[in-house]
Amino acid sequence: MATNVTEPKQTEPTASLENKDVSSTNTTVSSEILETTEDSHVDEGPHMVHLRQALHKTIKKCIGAARYTRFAKSYKFAHQKKPQALKSIVKQFSENLQSEIEKELELMITEENLVPLFNELDQQIKDAPPKSDTPAWRPSGNPERDITSHIMQAKLKEKERLQFLLKQVEDENVKLHEALLTRKQHLLKTQQEITDKLNMFEQAAEDCDKIPGTEIRHLLSNLVHNASN
């Protein structure tokens, strides 16, 4: 009889050992990146620190989206037969992805020279004059009210300009009124002088009419005689 030789099943501890080696390698790489990052934090200002913290949170959030349940739905056969192996693969994928993203971000920060730029920004903020107690303008959430405040400033400037023009026109009107009053007074004075002279001539004519004609002729003859002598 032929003897059935049963092949020994491949045990999972070997795969687990390999996964542990890869995981330990990724942990070493991540620790090296963290050590490099910590060393670079020595001369970094608060803004650069905040940027790194924001990037770290973003990476964690993105990596957190790669949950095991998503892979289990896509790889049902692996989830059903070897869930532990799939979990290990997912973990390695997440760690490798995080490591690569951190490397790229560090490279970007170095190439773009962000650390000196943010340090310069911190220094400029530090050297800037203190802020005034007047709060800065912020939108209220009501567009009509916000636009009204901006339009009001323009209208106030226009009002000041119109008031200045009105003052100029009023001053010019006062000057014209004073000049007209002076001319009117001069005309009244001239009219009075003419009236006085007309009255004098009329009085002289009346006096002449009262003198008899013979006496006037006698006076004229005496004047002519005196003139001839």
Protein backbone atom coordinates (compact mmCIF):
# COMPACT_ATOMS: atom_id res chain seq x y z
CA MET A 1 0.00 0.00 0.00
CA ALA A 2 1.06 3.47 -0.77
CA THR A 3 1.78 5.46 2.26
CA ASN A 4 0.12 8.88 2.40
CA VAL A 5 2.74 11.39 3.38
CA THR A 6 1.18 14.41 4.89
CA GLU A 7 3.13 17.58 4.21
CA PRO A 8 3.70 19.54 7.34
CA LYS A 9 1.66 22.68 7.47
CA GLN A 10 3.56 25.90 7.34
CA THR A 11 3.34 27.35 10.75
CA GLU A 12 2.67 31.00 11.33
CA PRO A 13 5.40 31.62 13.91
CA THR A 14 7.93 31.96 11.07
CA ALA A 15 5.81 34.59 9.41
CA SER A 16 5.34 36.23 12.77
CA LEU A 17 9.10 36.29 13.29
CA GLU A 18 9.58 37.89 9.88
CA ASN A 19 6.85 40.41 10.67
CA LYS A 20 8.53 41.16 13.98
CA ASP A 21 11.85 41.74 12.21
CA VAL A 22 10.24 44.11 9.70
CA SER A 23 8.31 45.81 12.48
CA SER A 24 11.48 46.23 14.53
CA THR A 25 13.25 47.67 11.49
CA ASN A 26 10.43 50.18 10.93
CA THR A 27 10.49 51.03 14.61
CA THR A 28 14.23 51.68 14.35
CA VAL A 29 13.73 53.91 11.29
CA SER A 30 10.93 55.81 13.01
CA SER A 31 13.04 56.22 16.14
CA GLU A 32 15.93 57.56 14.04
CA ILE A 33 13.59 60.07 12.36
CA LEU A 34 12.23 61.12 15.73
CA GLU A 35 15.76 61.52 17.10
CA THR A 36 16.72 63.63 14.05
CA THR A 37 13.57 65.69 14.46
CA GLU A 38 14.24 66.18 18.16
CA ASP A 39 17.80 67.27 17.39
CA SER A 40 16.51 69.78 14.82
CA HIS A 41 14.11 71.17 17.41
CA VAL A 42 16.98 72.62 19.42
CA ASP A 43 17.16 75.87 17.45
CA GLU A 44 13.55 75.92 16.27
CA GLY A 45 11.17 78.63 17.33
CA PRO A 46 7.54 78.26 18.44
CA HIS A 47 6.07 78.62 14.95
CA MET A 48 8.22 75.81 13.57
CA VAL A 49 7.31 73.65 16.56
CA HIS A 50 3.62 74.33 15.94
CA LEU A 51 4.08 73.40 12.28
CA ARG A 52 5.68 70.08 13.21
CA GLN A 53 2.92 69.35 15.70
CA ALA A 54 0.25 70.10 13.08
CA LEU A 55 2.00 67.89 10.52
CA HIS A 56 2.33 65.10 13.09
CA LYS A 57 -1.39 65.25 13.89
CA THR A 58 -2.24 65.27 10.18
CA ILE A 59 -0.07 62.20 9.55
CA LYS A 60 -1.66 60.37 12.46
CA LYS A 61 -5.12 61.20 11.18
CA CYS A 62 -4.31 60.04 7.64
CA ILE A 63 -2.67 56.82 8.85
CA GLY A 64 -5.58 56.22 11.21
CA ALA A 65 -7.90 56.09 8.20
CA ALA A 66 -6.11 52.87 7.08
CA ARG A 67 -7.99 50.72 9.60
CA TYR A 68 -7.96 46.95 9.57
CA THR A 69 -11.69 46.78 8.81
CA ARG A 70 -11.13 48.49 5.45
CA PHE A 71 -8.54 45.91 4.45
CA ALA A 72 -10.74 43.09 5.76
CA LYS A 73 -13.56 44.17 3.44
CA SER A 74 -11.23 44.33 0.44
CA TYR A 75 -9.32 41.11 1.24
CA LYS A 76 -12.03 38.88 2.64
CA PHE A 77 -10.17 35.66 1.77
CA ALA A 78 -7.14 36.74 3.84
CA HIS A 79 -9.35 37.99 6.65
CA GLN A 80 -11.17 34.67 6.83
CA LYS A 81 -8.15 32.34 6.51
CA LYS A 82 -5.30 34.26 8.15
CA PRO A 83 -6.58 37.34 10.00
CA GLN A 84 -3.42 37.63 12.11
CA ALA A 85 -1.21 37.70 9.02
CA LEU A 86 -3.45 40.39 7.45
CA LYS A 87 -3.30 42.43 10.64
CA SER A 88 0.48 42.21 10.59
CA ILE A 89 0.57 43.33 6.94
CA VAL A 90 -1.73 46.25 7.70
CA LYS A 91 0.44 47.28 10.63
CA GLN A 92 3.61 47.10 8.51
CA PHE A 93 1.91 49.08 5.75
CA SER A 94 0.87 51.81 8.19
CA GLU A 95 4.32 52.01 9.75
CA ASN A 96 6.10 52.08 6.38
CA LEU A 97 3.68 54.70 5.06
CA GLN A 98 4.18 56.89 8.13
CA SER A 99 7.96 56.51 7.86
CA GLU A 100 7.98 57.53 4.19
CA ILE A 101 5.72 60.51 4.81
CA GLU A 102 7.92 61.71 7.67
CA LYS A 103 11.02 61.37 5.48
CA GLU A 104 9.38 63.38 2.68
CA LEU A 105 8.27 66.08 5.09
CA GLU A 106 11.75 66.35 6.61
CA LEU A 107 13.21 66.60 3.10
CA MET A 108 10.70 69.29 2.18
CA ILE A 109 11.45 71.29 5.35
CA THR A 110 15.18 71.08 4.60
CA GLU A 111 14.90 71.95 0.89
CA GLU A 112 12.50 74.86 1.47
CA ASN A 113 14.70 76.15 4.32
CA LEU A 114 11.64 76.50 6.54
CA VAL A 115 13.42 76.48 9.91
CA PRO A 116 15.41 79.74 9.34
CA LEU A 117 12.35 81.37 7.76
CA PHE A 118 10.13 80.54 10.72
CA ASN A 119 12.86 81.60 13.15
CA GLU A 120 13.09 84.93 11.34
CA LEU A 121 9.31 85.26 11.59
CA ASP A 122 9.50 84.62 15.34
CA GLN A 123 12.20 87.27 15.69
CA GLN A 124 10.19 89.83 13.74
CA ILE A 125 7.15 89.16 15.89
CA LYS A 126 9.30 89.52 18.98
CA ASP A 127 10.78 92.82 17.77
CA ALA A 128 7.42 94.20 16.65
CA PRO A 129 5.86 97.01 18.74
CA PRO A 130 3.27 95.96 21.30
CA LYS A 131 -0.29 95.66 20.13
CA SER A 132 -2.74 98.43 20.88
CA ASP A 133 -5.64 97.89 23.24
CA THR A 134 -8.08 98.55 20.40
CA PRO A 135 -9.34 95.19 19.13
CA ALA A 136 -8.84 94.52 15.44
CA TRP A 137 -11.82 94.33 13.14
CA ARG A 138 -13.37 90.91 12.81
CA PRO A 139 -16.38 89.85 10.73
CA SER A 140 -19.56 89.61 12.76
CA GLY A 141 -21.18 86.97 10.57
CA ASN A 142 -23.76 89.45 9.26
CA PRO A 143 -22.66 90.49 5.74
CA GLU A 144 -24.95 93.54 5.65
CA ARG A 145 -23.58 94.86 8.93
CA ASP A 146 -19.97 94.16 7.93
CA ILE A 147 -20.30 95.84 4.53
CA THR A 148 -22.07 98.78 6.20
CA SER A 149 -19.07 99.43 8.43
CA HIS A 150 -16.76 99.51 5.38
CA ILE A 151 -19.13 101.69 3.35
CA MET A 152 -19.56 104.01 6.33
CA GLN A 153 -15.84 104.79 6.34
CA ALA A 154 -15.94 105.75 2.65
CA LYS A 155 -19.08 107.82 3.19
CA LEU A 156 -17.53 109.65 6.14
CA LYS A 157 -14.51 110.56 3.99
CA GLU A 158 -16.84 111.76 1.24
CA LYS A 159 -18.79 113.76 3.81
CA GLU A 160 -15.58 115.44 5.00
CA ARG A 161 -14.67 116.29 1.40
CA LEU A 162 -18.10 117.77 0.70
CA GLN A 163 -18.02 119.76 3.94
CA PHE A 164 -14.65 121.20 2.93
CA LEU A 165 -16.05 122.21 -0.48
CA LEU A 166 -19.12 123.71 1.18
CA LYS A 167 -16.90 125.75 3.50
CA GLN A 168 -14.98 127.08 0.51
CA VAL A 169 -18.23 128.07 -1.27
CA GLU A 170 -19.58 129.74 1.87
CA ASP A 171 -16.35 131.71 2.35
CA GLU A 172 -16.48 132.81 -1.29
CA ASN A 173 -20.10 133.89 -0.88
CA VAL A 174 -19.19 135.97 2.18
CA LYS A 175 -16.43 137.71 0.22
CA LEU A 176 -18.78 138.40 -2.71
CA HIS A 177 -21.44 139.71 -0.32
CA GLU A 178 -18.95 142.09 1.30
CA ALA A 179 -17.74 143.32 -2.11
CA LEU A 180 -21.35 143.85 -3.25
CA LEU A 181 -22.18 145.76 -0.07
CA THR A 182 -19.16 148.04 -0.57
CA ARG A 183 -20.19 148.81 -4.15
CA LYS A 184 -23.77 149.41 -3.10
CA GLN A 185 -22.64 151.89 -0.45
CA HIS A 186 -20.45 153.66 -3.03
CA LEU A 187 -23.39 153.91 -5.46
CA LEU A 188 -25.64 155.28 -2.72
CA LYS A 189 -23.03 157.90 -1.83
CA THR A 190 -22.61 158.93 -5.49
CA GLN A 191 -26.37 159.10 -5.92
CA GLN A 192 -26.66 161.34 -2.86
CA GLU A 193 -23.93 163.66 -4.18
CA ILE A 194 -25.69 163.95 -7.55
CA THR A 195 -28.99 164.64 -5.80
CA ASP A 196 -27.41 167.36 -3.67
CA LYS A 197 -25.91 169.07 -6.74
CA LEU A 198 -29.21 168.88 -8.62
CA ASN A 199 -30.93 170.47 -5.67
CA MET A 200 -28.32 173.20 -5.61
CA PHE A 201 -28.83 173.88 -9.33
CA GLU A 202 -32.58 173.91 -8.89
CA GLN A 203 -32.26 176.36 -6.00
CA ALA A 204 -29.98 178.56 -8.11
CA ALA A 205 -32.49 178.47 -10.96
CA GLU A 206 -35.30 179.44 -8.62
CA ASP A 207 -33.24 182.31 -7.24
CA CYS A 208 -32.54 183.50 -10.78
CA ASP A 209 -36.21 183.43 -11.58
CA LYS A 210 -36.92 185.71 -8.63
CA ILE A 211 -34.50 188.46 -9.78
CA PRO A 212 -36.13 191.13 -12.09
CA GLY A 213 -34.99 191.19 -15.71
CA THR A 214 -33.85 194.87 -15.64
CA GLU A 215 -31.62 194.17 -12.68
CA ILE A 216 -30.15 191.14 -14.39
CA ARG A 217 -29.40 193.23 -17.52
CA HIS A 218 -27.84 195.95 -15.39
CA LEU A 219 -25.63 193.39 -13.61
CA LEU A 220 -24.59 191.89 -16.95
CA SER A 221 -23.70 195.30 -18.40
CA ASN A 222 -21.60 196.09 -15.37
CA LEU A 223 -19.81 192.79 -15.71
CA VAL A 224 -19.11 193.42 -19.40
CA HIS A 225 -17.93 196.97 -18.66
CA ASN A 226 -15.59 195.81 -15.89
CA ALA A 227 -14.28 193.10 -18.16
CA SER A 228 -13.52 195.63 -20.96
CA ASN A 229 -11.64 197.97 -18.62
